[in-house]
């Protein structure tokens, strides 16, 4: 039975990839938010995004929610939530009853909704939440339900996501909440080429020219969540993560002492690594999944370059190198993108880049074995298909002339 669940979860990987690509096309430059939200959905661990207002944090998470058929999304700007009832209660009714002695009594009855009905909750400006609301957010982030009228009420919440343009005061009383934000990503504003691509994406979306996106279902998410604990984590992977912890501590004991001392986070790291493997269709955590540690091992943004530098040597494989070749080739500000956008003067340069990329990916396929080799060959096919598409578009343009 366990194997059947894992097989069903792994089989969803292509569908997940298509959904992530669709959402990325509509939300330019927000791949980190999409990936982090999917990791939160599958691992059950909260995610936090650090970034200024107006950079599409809420919109991207909401678009992920829209890509899950039947999912309820609720976002709350925490400074405007002044009570637990405002966060949880959809409506309050007044009921009148008469006791056996003829005495009438009146009571109120709350109907829960809002955050209590959400599958994905987005708590914006979380550090500005009222203290009395913060405990409810803490309950929600744990996934255990919420306290209401003296009892714990189970909610359908699948992903707790939060954001702010600042981190909590390290000397304040928000440390418990911050420590539970397992998945963390810094989101920056778009660069020059990103802003150009944003305009095109908005126009296409407004015109309805995009094809109908593929959707996941709530049942798909449950299969992934049930399959996640069955993903294998080898002793070698555990030791790699422990060695990484030790290297960070040796590099900066003061800066990373919190990481070594947080055993709860250490355990949850592997929940997220399992989710990473499953989202990519693997039944075993491997080196490629260690890339997710970039979202898990920092406490301040200044630590991120150190974390990335320590992780980079651990994640290099022929498959990761091949993916990097493809990503560079298809970069939004690259030559191929310019030719696709209509610049025919760079066709020769683009074709040359395709041929060089294909040669390099073919070389890397010879170094790989098993599933990695299959994945690299799929990337090679993608390069050749993209090349044929560019050539066909150029020839078509010449014929039209």
Protein backbone atom coordinates (compact mmCIF):
# COMPACT_ATOMS: atom_id res chain seq x y z
CA UNK A 1 0.00 0.00 0.00
CA UNK A 2 2.81 2.41 0.91
CA UNK A 3 4.50 1.78 -2.43
CA UNK A 4 1.22 2.42 -4.25
CA UNK A 5 0.90 5.81 -2.52
CA UNK A 6 4.49 6.72 -3.36
CA UNK A 7 4.06 5.63 -6.99
CA UNK A 8 0.90 7.73 -7.31
CA UNK A 9 2.67 10.76 -5.82
CA UNK A 10 5.73 10.40 -8.07
CA UNK A 11 3.48 10.12 -11.13
CA UNK A 12 2.20 13.65 -10.41
CA UNK A 13 5.63 15.24 -11.03
CA UNK A 14 5.01 16.13 -14.72
CA UNK A 15 1.65 17.68 -13.81
CA UNK A 16 3.28 19.70 -11.01
CA UNK A 17 5.99 20.88 -13.40
CA UNK A 18 3.39 22.02 -15.95
CA UNK A 19 1.43 23.91 -13.30
CA UNK A 20 4.57 25.59 -11.98
CA UNK A 21 5.56 26.63 -15.51
CA UNK A 22 2.08 28.05 -16.20
CA UNK A 23 2.14 30.08 -12.98
CA UNK A 24 5.68 31.30 -13.75
CA UNK A 25 4.58 32.56 -17.17
CA UNK A 26 1.96 34.75 -15.50
CA UNK A 27 4.19 35.83 -12.60
CA UNK A 28 7.50 36.93 -14.08
CA UNK A 29 10.58 36.34 -11.98
CA UNK A 30 8.70 34.72 -9.11
CA UNK A 31 9.92 31.15 -9.46
CA UNK A 32 11.26 31.17 -5.89
CA UNK A 33 7.80 31.99 -4.51
CA UNK A 34 6.19 29.27 -6.61
CA UNK A 35 8.72 26.64 -5.57
CA UNK A 36 8.59 27.64 -1.90
CA UNK A 37 4.78 27.53 -1.88
CA UNK A 38 4.74 24.08 -3.47
CA UNK A 39 7.32 22.89 -0.93
CA UNK A 40 5.10 24.26 1.86
CA UNK A 41 2.05 22.46 0.44
CA UNK A 42 3.79 19.09 0.25
CA UNK A 43 5.94 19.27 3.39
CA UNK A 44 3.31 20.98 5.56
CA UNK A 45 5.96 23.44 6.76
CA UNK A 46 5.35 27.22 6.77
CA UNK A 47 6.96 29.55 4.23
CA UNK A 48 8.00 33.20 4.63
CA UNK A 49 8.85 35.77 1.96
CA UNK A 50 10.95 38.83 2.70
CA UNK A 51 10.39 41.65 0.22
CA UNK A 52 9.06 45.15 -0.28
CA UNK A 53 5.40 45.86 -1.10
CA UNK A 54 4.31 45.75 -4.73
CA UNK A 55 6.48 42.88 -5.99
CA UNK A 56 3.65 40.36 -6.44
CA UNK A 57 4.17 38.14 -3.41
CA UNK A 58 0.48 37.79 -2.62
CA UNK A 59 -0.54 37.55 -6.28
CA UNK A 60 1.88 34.72 -7.00
CA UNK A 61 0.77 32.65 -4.01
CA UNK A 62 -2.85 33.28 -4.97
CA UNK A 63 -2.11 32.11 -8.51
CA UNK A 64 -0.64 28.88 -7.11
CA UNK A 65 -3.88 28.46 -5.16
CA UNK A 66 -5.93 29.06 -8.33
CA UNK A 67 -3.98 26.29 -10.03
CA UNK A 68 -5.37 23.80 -7.49
CA UNK A 69 -8.98 23.03 -8.35
CA UNK A 70 -11.18 23.58 -5.31
CA UNK A 71 -8.50 25.23 -3.16
CA UNK A 72 -9.60 28.13 -0.95
CA UNK A 73 -7.15 31.02 -0.65
CA UNK A 74 -7.37 33.61 2.10
CA UNK A 75 -5.02 36.55 2.51
CA UNK A 76 -5.00 38.86 5.50
CA UNK A 77 -3.10 42.11 5.94
CA UNK A 78 -2.23 41.52 9.56
CA UNK A 79 -2.07 45.16 10.78
CA UNK A 80 -5.77 45.44 9.88
CA UNK A 81 -6.78 42.31 11.84
CA UNK A 82 -7.59 43.52 15.35
CA UNK A 83 -9.15 40.36 16.78
CA UNK A 84 -9.12 36.59 16.46
CA UNK A 85 -12.79 36.73 15.44
CA UNK A 86 -11.95 38.99 12.50
CA UNK A 87 -9.47 36.39 11.30
CA UNK A 88 -11.64 33.32 11.78
CA UNK A 89 -15.34 34.14 12.01
CA UNK A 90 -17.44 34.46 8.87
CA UNK A 91 -20.62 35.47 10.69
CA UNK A 92 -22.16 35.58 14.15
CA UNK A 93 -25.80 34.79 14.81
CA UNK A 94 -27.92 35.36 17.88
CA UNK A 95 -29.97 32.44 19.21
CA UNK A 96 -32.79 32.71 21.73
CA UNK A 97 -33.97 29.72 23.71
CA UNK A 98 -36.43 29.06 26.54
CA UNK A 99 -35.49 26.76 29.39
CA UNK A 100 -37.74 24.29 31.21
CA UNK A 101 -38.48 26.94 33.81
CA UNK A 102 -39.65 29.34 31.14
CA UNK A 103 -36.61 31.57 31.44
CA UNK A 104 -35.36 32.88 28.11
CA UNK A 105 -31.66 32.98 27.33
CA UNK A 106 -29.73 34.52 24.49
CA UNK A 107 -26.41 33.33 23.14
CA UNK A 108 -24.27 34.03 20.13
CA UNK A 109 -23.03 31.38 17.74
CA UNK A 110 -20.04 31.86 15.47
CA UNK A 111 -19.77 30.35 12.00
CA UNK A 112 -16.11 29.87 11.21
CA UNK A 113 -14.73 30.84 7.81
CA UNK A 114 -12.00 33.10 6.41
CA UNK A 115 -8.64 31.75 7.61
CA UNK A 116 -10.38 28.79 9.26
CA UNK A 117 -11.67 27.59 5.87
CA UNK A 118 -8.55 28.24 3.81
CA UNK A 119 -6.37 25.62 2.18
CA UNK A 120 -3.68 28.26 1.63
CA UNK A 121 -3.37 31.16 4.08
CA UNK A 122 -1.27 34.24 3.28
CA UNK A 123 -0.48 36.35 6.36
CA UNK A 124 0.96 39.61 5.03
CA UNK A 125 3.03 41.91 7.25
CA UNK A 126 2.95 39.14 9.83
CA UNK A 127 5.24 40.85 12.35
CA UNK A 128 2.71 43.65 12.76
CA UNK A 129 -0.01 41.29 13.97
CA UNK A 130 -1.76 42.09 17.23
CA UNK A 131 -0.36 39.99 20.12
CA UNK A 132 -3.77 38.38 20.69
CA UNK A 133 -3.92 37.34 17.03
CA UNK A 134 -0.37 36.01 16.99
CA UNK A 135 -1.22 32.90 19.05
CA UNK A 136 -3.88 31.95 16.50
CA UNK A 137 -1.36 32.41 13.69
CA UNK A 138 1.04 30.21 15.62
CA UNK A 139 -1.63 27.52 15.92
CA UNK A 140 -2.35 27.76 12.20
CA UNK A 141 1.34 27.55 11.31
CA UNK A 142 1.60 24.28 13.26
CA UNK A 143 -1.25 22.79 11.22
CA UNK A 144 -3.03 21.50 14.33
CA UNK A 145 -6.17 23.63 13.94
CA UNK A 146 -7.24 26.71 15.91
CA UNK A 147 -8.63 27.38 19.35
CA UNK A 148 -12.19 28.65 19.32
CA UNK A 149 -14.74 28.80 22.12
CA UNK A 150 -12.53 26.71 24.37
CA UNK A 151 -11.73 23.89 21.96
CA UNK A 152 -9.41 23.05 19.11
CA UNK A 153 -11.11 23.17 15.73
CA UNK A 154 -9.53 21.31 12.82
CA UNK A 155 -9.07 23.36 9.66
CA UNK A 156 -8.36 22.26 6.05
CA UNK A 157 -5.16 24.34 5.94
CA UNK A 158 -2.47 22.85 3.70
CA UNK A 159 0.02 25.72 3.49
CA UNK A 160 0.73 28.58 5.88
CA UNK A 161 2.48 31.35 3.95
CA UNK A 162 3.53 34.73 5.32
CA UNK A 163 5.44 37.80 4.22
CA UNK A 164 6.89 41.09 5.39
CA UNK A 165 9.24 43.79 4.21
CA UNK A 166 11.26 43.34 7.39
CA UNK A 167 12.41 40.68 9.82
CA UNK A 168 11.18 40.54 13.41
CA UNK A 169 13.12 42.29 16.14
CA UNK A 170 15.65 39.68 17.35
CA UNK A 171 15.21 40.99 20.89
CA UNK A 172 11.40 40.97 20.71
CA UNK A 173 8.74 38.39 21.47
CA UNK A 174 8.33 37.14 17.90
CA UNK A 175 11.20 34.66 18.00
CA UNK A 176 8.93 31.62 18.40
CA UNK A 177 6.95 32.57 15.31
CA UNK A 178 10.06 33.35 13.24
CA UNK A 179 11.70 30.04 14.17
CA UNK A 180 8.67 28.20 12.78
CA UNK A 181 9.00 29.85 9.36
CA UNK A 182 10.86 26.82 8.02
CA UNK A 183 11.03 27.86 4.36
CA UNK A 184 12.42 31.36 3.79
CA UNK A 185 12.99 33.29 0.58
CA UNK A 186 14.10 36.83 -0.24
CA UNK A 187 12.09 38.33 -3.11
CA UNK A 188 13.57 41.28 -5.00
CA UNK A 189 12.00 43.65 -7.49
CA UNK A 190 12.35 42.80 -11.18
CA UNK A 191 15.36 43.94 -13.18
CA UNK A 192 15.16 45.74 -16.54
CA UNK A 193 14.45 42.65 -18.66
CA UNK A 194 12.09 41.28 -16.05
CA UNK A 195 10.00 44.45 -16.13
CA UNK A 196 9.79 44.23 -19.93
CA UNK A 197 8.65 40.62 -19.73
CA UNK A 198 6.11 41.62 -17.08
CA UNK A 199 4.38 43.98 -19.52
CA UNK A 200 4.04 41.25 -22.16
CA UNK A 201 2.72 38.77 -19.60
CA UNK A 202 0.10 41.24 -18.37
CA UNK A 203 -1.05 42.06 -21.90
CA UNK A 204 -1.34 38.39 -22.85
CA UNK A 205 -3.24 37.66 -19.67
CA UNK A 206 -5.63 40.57 -20.22
CA UNK A 207 -6.24 39.52 -23.83
CA UNK A 208 -6.82 35.93 -22.82
CA UNK A 209 -4.30 34.70 -25.39
CA UNK A 210 -2.75 32.14 -23.07
CA UNK A 211 -3.94 28.55 -23.32
CA UNK A 212 -6.05 27.10 -20.52
CA UNK A 213 -3.61 26.16 -17.76
CA UNK A 214 -3.37 22.67 -16.37
CA UNK A 215 -4.61 22.31 -12.80
CA UNK A 216 -3.83 20.17 -9.81
CA UNK A 217 -6.60 18.94 -7.53
CA UNK A 218 -6.86 18.84 -3.76
CA UNK A 219 -6.68 15.05 -4.09
CA UNK A 220 -3.36 15.43 -5.94
CA UNK A 221 -1.99 17.51 -3.07
CA UNK A 222 -3.13 14.89 -0.56
CA UNK A 223 -1.38 12.15 -2.57
CA UNK A 224 1.81 14.21 -2.52
CA UNK A 225 1.52 14.87 1.22
CA UNK A 226 0.89 11.19 1.94
CA UNK A 227 3.74 10.11 -0.32
CA UNK A 228 6.27 12.59 1.06
CA UNK A 229 7.22 10.66 4.25
CA UNK A 230 7.94 7.59 2.11
CA UNK A 231 10.70 9.31 0.13
CA UNK A 232 14.00 7.74 1.12
CA UNK A 233 16.58 9.78 3.03
CA UNK A 234 19.90 7.94 3.09
CA UNK A 235 22.50 8.19 5.84
CA UNK A 236 24.80 9.78 3.27
CA UNK A 237 22.36 12.66 2.81
CA UNK A 238 21.95 13.11 6.56
CA UNK A 239 25.73 13.24 6.96
CA UNK A 240 26.05 15.74 4.09
CA UNK A 241 23.56 18.05 5.82
CA UNK A 242 25.30 17.61 9.18
CA UNK A 243 28.66 18.38 7.60
CA UNK A 244 27.14 21.49 6.05
CA UNK A 245 25.82 22.57 9.44
CA UNK A 246 29.30 22.09 10.89
CA UNK A 247 30.94 24.08 8.09
CA UNK A 248 28.55 27.00 8.64
CA UNK A 249 29.21 26.88 12.37
CA UNK A 250 32.97 26.81 11.80
CA UNK A 251 32.67 29.74 9.38
CA UNK A 252 30.67 31.93 11.76
CA UNK A 253 29.84 30.44 15.14
CA UNK A 254 28.02 33.52 16.35
CA UNK A 255 25.96 33.83 13.18
CA UNK A 256 25.00 30.15 12.86
CA UNK A 257 24.84 29.03 16.47
CA UNK A 258 21.02 29.37 16.26
CA UNK A 259 20.96 26.84 13.41
CA UNK A 260 22.94 24.18 15.22
CA UNK A 261 20.85 24.57 18.37
CA UNK A 262 17.47 24.33 16.60
CA UNK A 263 16.79 20.57 16.55
CA UNK A 264 13.19 21.13 15.46
CA UNK A 265 14.40 22.88 12.29
CA UNK A 266 16.98 20.15 11.67
CA UNK A 267 14.21 17.55 11.56
CA UNK A 268 11.99 19.68 9.37
CA UNK A 269 14.81 20.25 6.90
CA UNK A 270 14.37 16.65 5.79
CA UNK A 271 10.61 17.08 5.42
CA UNK A 272 11.34 19.81 2.87
CA UNK A 273 14.09 17.81 1.15
CA UNK A 274 11.65 14.91 0.76
CA UNK A 275 9.09 17.31 -0.71
CA UNK A 276 11.69 18.64 -3.14
CA UNK A 277 12.52 15.15 -4.37
CA UNK A 278 8.86 14.19 -4.75
CA UNK A 279 7.95 17.36 -6.65
CA UNK A 280 10.66 16.47 -9.15
CA UNK A 281 9.53 12.85 -9.46
CA UNK A 282 12.20 11.18 -7.34
CA UNK A 283 11.69 8.57 -4.64
CA UNK A 284 14.99 9.29 -2.92
CA UNK A 285 16.51 12.56 -1.72
CA UNK A 286 19.60 13.31 -3.79
CA UNK A 287 22.20 16.00 -4.29
CA UNK A 288 19.91 18.11 -6.45
CA UNK A 289 17.49 18.45 -3.54
CA UNK A 290 20.18 20.02 -1.37
CA UNK A 291 19.57 23.19 -3.39
CA UNK A 292 16.43 23.60 -1.26
CA UNK A 293 18.71 24.18 1.74
CA UNK A 294 19.21 27.71 0.44
CA UNK A 295 15.65 28.35 1.67
CA UNK A 296 16.17 26.71 5.05
CA UNK A 297 19.50 27.65 6.64
CA UNK A 298 19.59 31.45 6.96
CA UNK A 299 18.44 33.76 9.72
CA UNK A 300 19.35 37.10 8.12
CA UNK A 301 19.73 37.92 4.39
CA UNK A 302 23.42 38.66 4.93
CA UNK A 303 23.97 34.95 5.60
CA UNK A 304 22.52 33.81 2.27
CA UNK A 305 25.74 34.18 0.20
CA UNK A 306 27.63 32.08 2.77
CA UNK A 307 24.92 29.42 2.76
CA UNK A 308 24.85 29.30 -1.06
CA UNK A 309 28.64 29.08 -1.27
CA UNK A 310 28.70 26.09 1.08
CA UNK A 311 25.86 24.32 -0.73
CA UNK A 312 27.07 24.85 -4.30
CA UNK A 313 29.81 22.15 -4.30
CA UNK A 314 27.34 19.61 -2.89
CA UNK A 315 24.73 20.04 -5.60
CA UNK A 316 26.80 19.83 -8.75
CA UNK A 317 25.95 16.78 -10.85
CA UNK A 318 25.91 16.18 -14.61
CA UNK A 319 22.14 16.77 -14.49
CA UNK A 320 22.43 20.07 -12.61
CA UNK A 321 25.14 21.23 -15.02
CA UNK A 322 22.96 20.28 -17.99
CA UNK A 323 20.00 22.15 -16.51
CA UNK A 324 22.23 25.19 -16.01
CA UNK A 325 23.27 25.06 -19.68
CA UNK A 326 19.61 25.00 -20.74
CA UNK A 327 18.63 27.79 -18.32
CA UNK A 328 21.45 29.99 -19.63
CA UNK A 329 20.46 29.29 -23.23
CA UNK A 330 16.81 30.19 -22.60
CA UNK A 331 17.43 33.15 -20.27
CA UNK A 332 14.79 35.92 -20.64
CA UNK A 333 17.48 38.44 -21.59
CA UNK A 334 19.48 36.05 -23.80
CA UNK A 335 20.04 35.88 -27.55
CA UNK A 336 17.46 33.12 -28.10
CA UNK A 337 14.80 35.15 -26.30
CA UNK A 338 15.63 38.18 -28.46
CA UNK A 339 15.26 36.12 -31.65
CA UNK A 340 11.94 34.73 -30.41
CA UNK A 341 10.83 38.30 -29.78
CA UNK A 342 11.53 39.14 -33.44
CA UNK A 343 15.20 40.18 -33.69
CA UNK A 344 16.24 38.37 -36.89
CA UNK A 345 19.72 39.91 -36.84
CA UNK A 346 20.77 37.47 -34.11
CA UNK A 347 19.51 34.25 -35.68
CA UNK A 348 23.00 32.97 -36.55
CA UNK A 349 24.26 33.64 -33.04
CA UNK A 350 21.22 31.88 -31.57
CA UNK A 351 21.69 28.80 -33.78
CA UNK A 352 25.35 28.67 -32.74
CA UNK A 353 24.34 28.79 -29.08
CA UNK A 354 21.84 25.96 -29.62
CA UNK A 355 24.53 23.80 -31.21
CA UNK A 356 27.04 24.54 -28.43
CA UNK A 357 24.45 23.80 -25.76
CA UNK A 358 23.45 20.52 -27.42
CA UNK A 359 27.09 19.45 -27.63
CA UNK A 360 27.71 20.22 -23.96
CA UNK A 361 24.53 18.51 -22.76
CA UNK A 362 25.35 15.44 -24.86
CA UNK A 363 28.79 15.34 -23.22
CA UNK A 364 27.21 15.54 -19.78
CA UNK A 365 24.80 12.73 -20.63
CA UNK A 366 27.81 10.47 -21.18
CA UNK A 367 28.90 11.15 -17.59
CA UNK A 368 25.50 10.35 -16.06
CA UNK A 369 23.77 7.08 -15.29
CA UNK A 370 20.24 5.90 -14.54
CA UNK A 371 17.47 8.44 -14.08
CA UNK A 372 19.90 11.35 -14.35
CA UNK A 373 20.97 10.20 -17.81
CA UNK A 374 17.33 9.93 -18.89
CA UNK A 375 16.63 13.43 -17.56
CA UNK A 376 19.65 14.89 -19.37
CA UNK A 377 18.59 13.31 -22.65
CA UNK A 378 15.16 14.89 -22.16
CA UNK A 379 16.90 18.27 -21.80
CA UNK A 380 18.82 17.57 -25.02
CA UNK A 381 15.53 16.85 -26.78
CA UNK A 382 14.17 20.14 -25.47
CA UNK A 383 17.17 22.04 -26.85
CA UNK A 384 16.72 20.46 -30.28
CA UNK A 385 12.98 21.17 -30.28
CA UNK A 386 13.57 24.81 -29.32
CA UNK A 387 16.15 25.11 -32.10
CA UNK A 388 13.72 23.68 -34.66
CA UNK A 389 11.04 26.10 -33.48
CA UNK A 390 13.35 29.09 -33.93
CA UNK A 391 14.47 27.91 -37.37
CA UNK A 392 10.87 27.28 -38.44
CA UNK A 393 9.78 30.73 -37.29
CA UNK A 394 12.62 32.37 -39.24
CA UNK A 395 11.87 30.40 -42.39
CA UNK A 396 8.20 31.20 -42.01
CA UNK A 397 8.95 34.90 -41.74
CA UNK A 398 11.07 34.73 -44.92
CA UNK A 399 8.32 32.97 -46.86
CA UNK A 400 5.76 35.56 -45.74
CA UNK A 401 7.96 38.24 -47.20
